[in-house]
Amino acid sequence: MVNRGLFYLGAHEPQWLHRTDVPLFISHKRLIRYMKDLPIAKTRWALDSGAFSELAKYGEWLTTEAEYVHAVLTYQDEMGELDCVHLEDEPIVGVGSVCRRQATGEATAIFASLRPLRLHGFGVKLSGLTRFGHFLTSCDSLAWSYEAWKQDARLPGHQTHKHCGNCLDYALHWREGVIRRMEESDGHRTSRSP
């Protein structure tokens, strides 16, 4: 099962990098807006290239390789704590586009078929974690934001905004619940093992 250190909480707000100590997953498309005033990270984080959104919106990848590499190097140099993977040392395969299949056996079969590769699950929801989290080395999720927005959810005392879809407190609360469920699921899996 994915451990606490490798569950990246998807975040809209780059400034959360210096406000929390949980690993975050930040989109390049959000972060590039802050190039002149990048936050200093106090936690490890992973960078989402934003390629899926760019391809969905424009039908092609518009960011050049040189632009992206320059941005990544700038983030590493100025912000720090960016988890980088050198493929020749530690190959990790990113698996995406399972969002709508997560509650099905099909997604589990996809991840199982990729064993023994080390896998990162992009945009994994709780239903996916409980089904195939044991196949993952790491994953990220922004499901908390959609949940808060869709349900108009607000934490007690959070009257200053309509919902907690962009709220760090809500995101951290949601993450703790996910971690607890993952640990319970892993414990049940372990106890059933011979």
Protein backbone atom coordinates (compact mmCIF):
# COMPACT_ATOMS: atom_id res chain seq x y z
CA MET A 1 0.00 0.00 0.00
CA VAL A 2 1.18 3.53 -0.68
CA ASN A 3 2.79 4.95 2.46
CA ARG A 4 2.23 8.38 4.05
CA GLY A 5 5.38 9.85 2.55
CA LEU A 6 4.42 8.99 -1.01
CA PHE A 7 0.80 10.15 -1.05
CA TYR A 8 0.93 13.59 -2.65
CA LEU A 9 -1.98 15.84 -1.82
CA GLY A 10 -3.08 17.65 -4.96
CA ALA A 11 -3.04 21.40 -4.37
CA HIS A 12 -4.24 24.43 -6.33
CA GLU A 13 -2.24 26.87 -4.25
CA PRO A 14 1.57 26.89 -4.61
CA GLN A 15 1.91 28.93 -1.41
CA TRP A 16 0.79 25.85 0.54
CA LEU A 17 4.32 24.57 -0.04
CA HIS A 18 5.53 26.71 2.85
CA ARG A 19 2.42 26.26 5.00
CA THR A 20 2.31 22.48 5.47
CA ASP A 21 4.66 19.56 5.88
CA VAL A 22 2.65 16.96 3.90
CA PRO A 23 3.85 16.08 0.40
CA LEU A 24 2.05 18.15 -2.25
CA PHE A 25 1.38 17.72 -5.96
CA ILE A 26 1.41 21.10 -7.74
CA SER A 27 0.60 21.80 -11.37
CA HIS A 28 3.17 23.54 -13.55
CA LYS A 29 0.25 25.46 -15.06
CA ARG A 30 -0.49 27.01 -11.63
CA LEU A 31 3.10 27.42 -10.56
CA ILE A 32 4.30 29.21 -13.67
CA ARG A 33 2.12 32.19 -12.69
CA TYR A 34 4.40 32.69 -9.67
CA MET A 35 7.75 32.60 -11.53
CA LYS A 36 8.77 36.04 -10.22
CA ASP A 37 7.77 35.20 -6.64
CA LEU A 38 8.08 31.45 -6.14
CA PRO A 39 7.36 30.07 -2.65
CA ILE A 40 10.14 28.36 -0.72
CA ALA A 41 9.04 24.79 -0.08
CA LYS A 42 9.27 23.38 3.42
CA THR A 43 7.88 20.03 2.30
CA ARG A 44 8.66 17.57 -0.45
CA TRP A 45 6.53 17.98 -3.52
CA ALA A 46 6.01 16.63 -7.01
CA LEU A 47 5.35 18.59 -10.17
CA ASP A 48 2.40 17.89 -12.43
CA SER A 49 3.39 18.86 -15.98
CA GLY A 50 -0.13 19.99 -16.80
CA ALA A 51 0.10 18.00 -20.04
CA PHE A 52 -3.24 16.26 -19.61
CA SER A 53 -5.06 19.60 -19.22
CA GLU A 54 -3.16 21.15 -22.10
CA LEU A 55 -3.90 18.24 -24.41
CA ALA A 56 -7.57 18.19 -23.40
CA LYS A 57 -7.96 21.94 -23.91
CA TYR A 58 -5.86 22.52 -27.04
CA GLY A 59 -5.45 19.06 -28.56
CA GLU A 60 -1.65 19.35 -28.41
CA TRP A 61 1.25 20.00 -26.06
CA LEU A 62 2.05 23.71 -26.47
CA THR A 63 4.84 24.00 -23.91
CA THR A 64 8.21 23.40 -25.55
CA GLU A 65 10.68 20.95 -24.06
CA ALA A 66 13.12 23.82 -23.40
CA GLU A 67 10.45 25.88 -21.61
CA TYR A 68 9.47 22.98 -19.39
CA VAL A 69 13.04 21.99 -18.54
CA HIS A 70 13.87 25.63 -17.71
CA ALA A 71 10.82 25.82 -15.42
CA VAL A 72 11.67 22.55 -13.64
CA LEU A 73 15.26 23.65 -13.02
CA THR A 74 14.05 27.03 -11.76
CA TYR A 75 11.59 25.36 -9.38
CA GLN A 76 14.29 23.07 -8.03
CA ASP A 77 16.85 25.85 -7.61
CA GLU A 78 14.58 28.53 -6.15
CA MET A 79 11.99 26.51 -4.24
CA GLY A 80 13.78 23.31 -3.23
CA GLU A 81 12.33 20.00 -1.98
CA LEU A 82 11.18 18.93 -5.47
CA ASP A 83 11.13 15.15 -5.62
CA CYS A 84 13.05 14.25 -8.76
CA VAL A 85 13.35 10.78 -10.16
CA HIS A 86 16.34 9.86 -12.26
CA LEU A 87 14.91 7.17 -14.50
CA GLU A 88 18.20 5.35 -14.87
CA ASP A 89 18.44 4.95 -11.08
CA GLU A 90 14.85 4.48 -9.97
CA PRO A 91 12.32 3.93 -12.74
CA ILE A 92 8.76 4.90 -11.87
CA VAL A 93 6.00 4.61 -14.43
CA GLY A 94 3.18 7.11 -14.23
CA VAL A 95 -0.28 5.71 -14.93
CA GLY A 96 -3.13 8.10 -15.63
CA SER A 97 -6.52 8.16 -17.30
CA VAL A 98 -7.99 5.69 -14.82
CA CYS A 99 -10.15 8.32 -13.14
CA ARG A 100 -13.46 6.96 -14.41
CA ARG A 101 -12.36 3.34 -14.04
CA GLN A 102 -11.13 3.45 -10.45
CA ALA A 103 -14.14 1.72 -8.93
CA THR A 104 -13.93 -1.12 -11.44
CA GLY A 105 -11.94 -4.30 -11.70
CA GLU A 106 -10.57 -2.97 -14.99
CA ALA A 107 -8.34 -0.41 -13.24
CA THR A 108 -7.05 -3.03 -10.82
CA ALA A 109 -6.26 -5.31 -13.76
CA ILE A 110 -4.33 -2.50 -15.47
CA PHE A 111 -2.15 -1.90 -12.40
CA ALA A 112 -1.73 -5.63 -11.74
CA SER A 113 -0.59 -6.20 -15.33
CA LEU A 114 2.21 -3.67 -14.87
CA ARG A 115 3.80 -5.54 -11.99
CA PRO A 116 6.70 -5.56 -11.03
CA LEU A 117 7.15 -1.98 -12.26
CA ARG A 118 7.22 0.83 -9.71
CA LEU A 119 4.05 2.83 -10.39
CA HIS A 120 2.75 6.33 -9.70
CA GLY A 121 -1.03 6.69 -9.96
CA PHE A 122 -2.12 10.10 -11.25
CA GLY A 123 -5.36 11.44 -9.78
CA VAL A 124 -6.21 8.39 -7.69
CA LYS A 125 -9.41 8.58 -5.63
CA LEU A 126 -10.17 6.75 -2.39
CA SER A 127 -12.05 4.00 -4.23
CA GLY A 128 -8.96 3.41 -6.35
CA LEU A 129 -6.60 3.41 -3.38
CA THR A 130 -8.60 0.75 -1.58
CA ARG A 131 -8.73 -1.40 -4.73
CA PHE A 132 -5.24 -1.08 -6.18
CA GLY A 133 -3.17 1.06 -3.80
CA HIS A 134 -1.00 -1.95 -2.94
CA PHE A 135 0.35 -1.86 -6.52
CA LEU A 136 1.48 1.78 -6.22
CA THR A 137 4.80 3.24 -5.15
CA SER A 138 3.25 6.72 -5.03
CA CYS A 139 0.11 8.56 -6.07
CA ASP A 140 -1.55 11.95 -5.97
CA SER A 141 -5.12 13.11 -5.56
CA LEU A 142 -7.04 16.36 -5.85
CA ALA A 143 -10.37 14.60 -5.21
CA TRP A 144 -10.83 16.54 -1.97
CA SER A 145 -11.35 19.77 -3.92
CA TYR A 146 -14.03 18.37 -6.20
CA GLU A 147 -15.76 16.75 -3.22
CA ALA A 148 -15.84 20.03 -1.26
CA TRP A 149 -17.04 22.00 -4.28
CA LYS A 150 -19.70 19.48 -5.32
CA GLN A 151 -21.07 19.12 -1.78
CA ASP A 152 -20.66 22.81 -0.79
CA ALA A 153 -18.67 21.40 2.13
CA ARG A 154 -17.25 23.74 4.76
CA LEU A 155 -15.42 22.97 7.95
CA PRO A 156 -16.85 24.46 11.16
CA GLY A 157 -15.77 28.09 11.48
CA HIS A 158 -15.07 28.46 7.76
CA GLN A 159 -17.77 31.04 7.02
CA THR A 160 -15.55 33.30 4.90
CA HIS A 161 -15.85 31.14 1.78
CA LYS A 162 -18.73 29.38 -0.01
CA HIS A 163 -17.09 25.95 0.18
CA CYS A 164 -13.71 24.50 1.15
CA GLY A 165 -12.70 23.48 -2.40
CA ASN A 166 -9.54 25.62 -2.14
CA CYS A 167 -9.03 25.31 1.62
CA LEU A 168 -5.82 23.90 3.11
CA ASP A 169 -7.54 22.90 6.37
CA TYR A 170 -10.16 20.90 4.47
CA ALA A 171 -7.50 19.31 2.24
CA LEU A 172 -5.43 18.22 5.25
CA HIS A 173 -8.53 16.88 7.04
CA TRP A 174 -9.49 14.91 3.92
CA ARG A 175 -5.93 13.59 3.55
CA GLU A 176 -5.87 12.30 7.13
CA GLY A 177 -9.10 10.41 6.46
CA VAL A 178 -7.60 8.88 3.33
CA ILE A 179 -4.41 7.87 5.14
CA ARG A 180 -6.49 6.28 7.92
CA ARG A 181 -8.57 4.33 5.37
CA MET A 182 -5.42 3.21 3.55
CA GLU A 183 -3.88 1.96 6.79
CA GLU A 184 -7.09 0.14 7.74
CA SER A 185 -7.31 -1.43 4.29
CA ASP A 186 -3.65 -2.45 4.42
CA GLY A 187 -4.13 -3.90 7.90
CA HIS A 188 -7.07 -6.01 6.73
CA ARG A 189 -5.10 -7.17 3.68
CA THR A 190 -2.13 -8.10 5.87
CA SER A 191 -4.27 -9.93 8.45
CA ARG A 192 -5.81 -12.08 5.66
CA SER A 193 -2.41 -12.95 4.25
CA PRO A 194 -0.94 -16.38 5.16
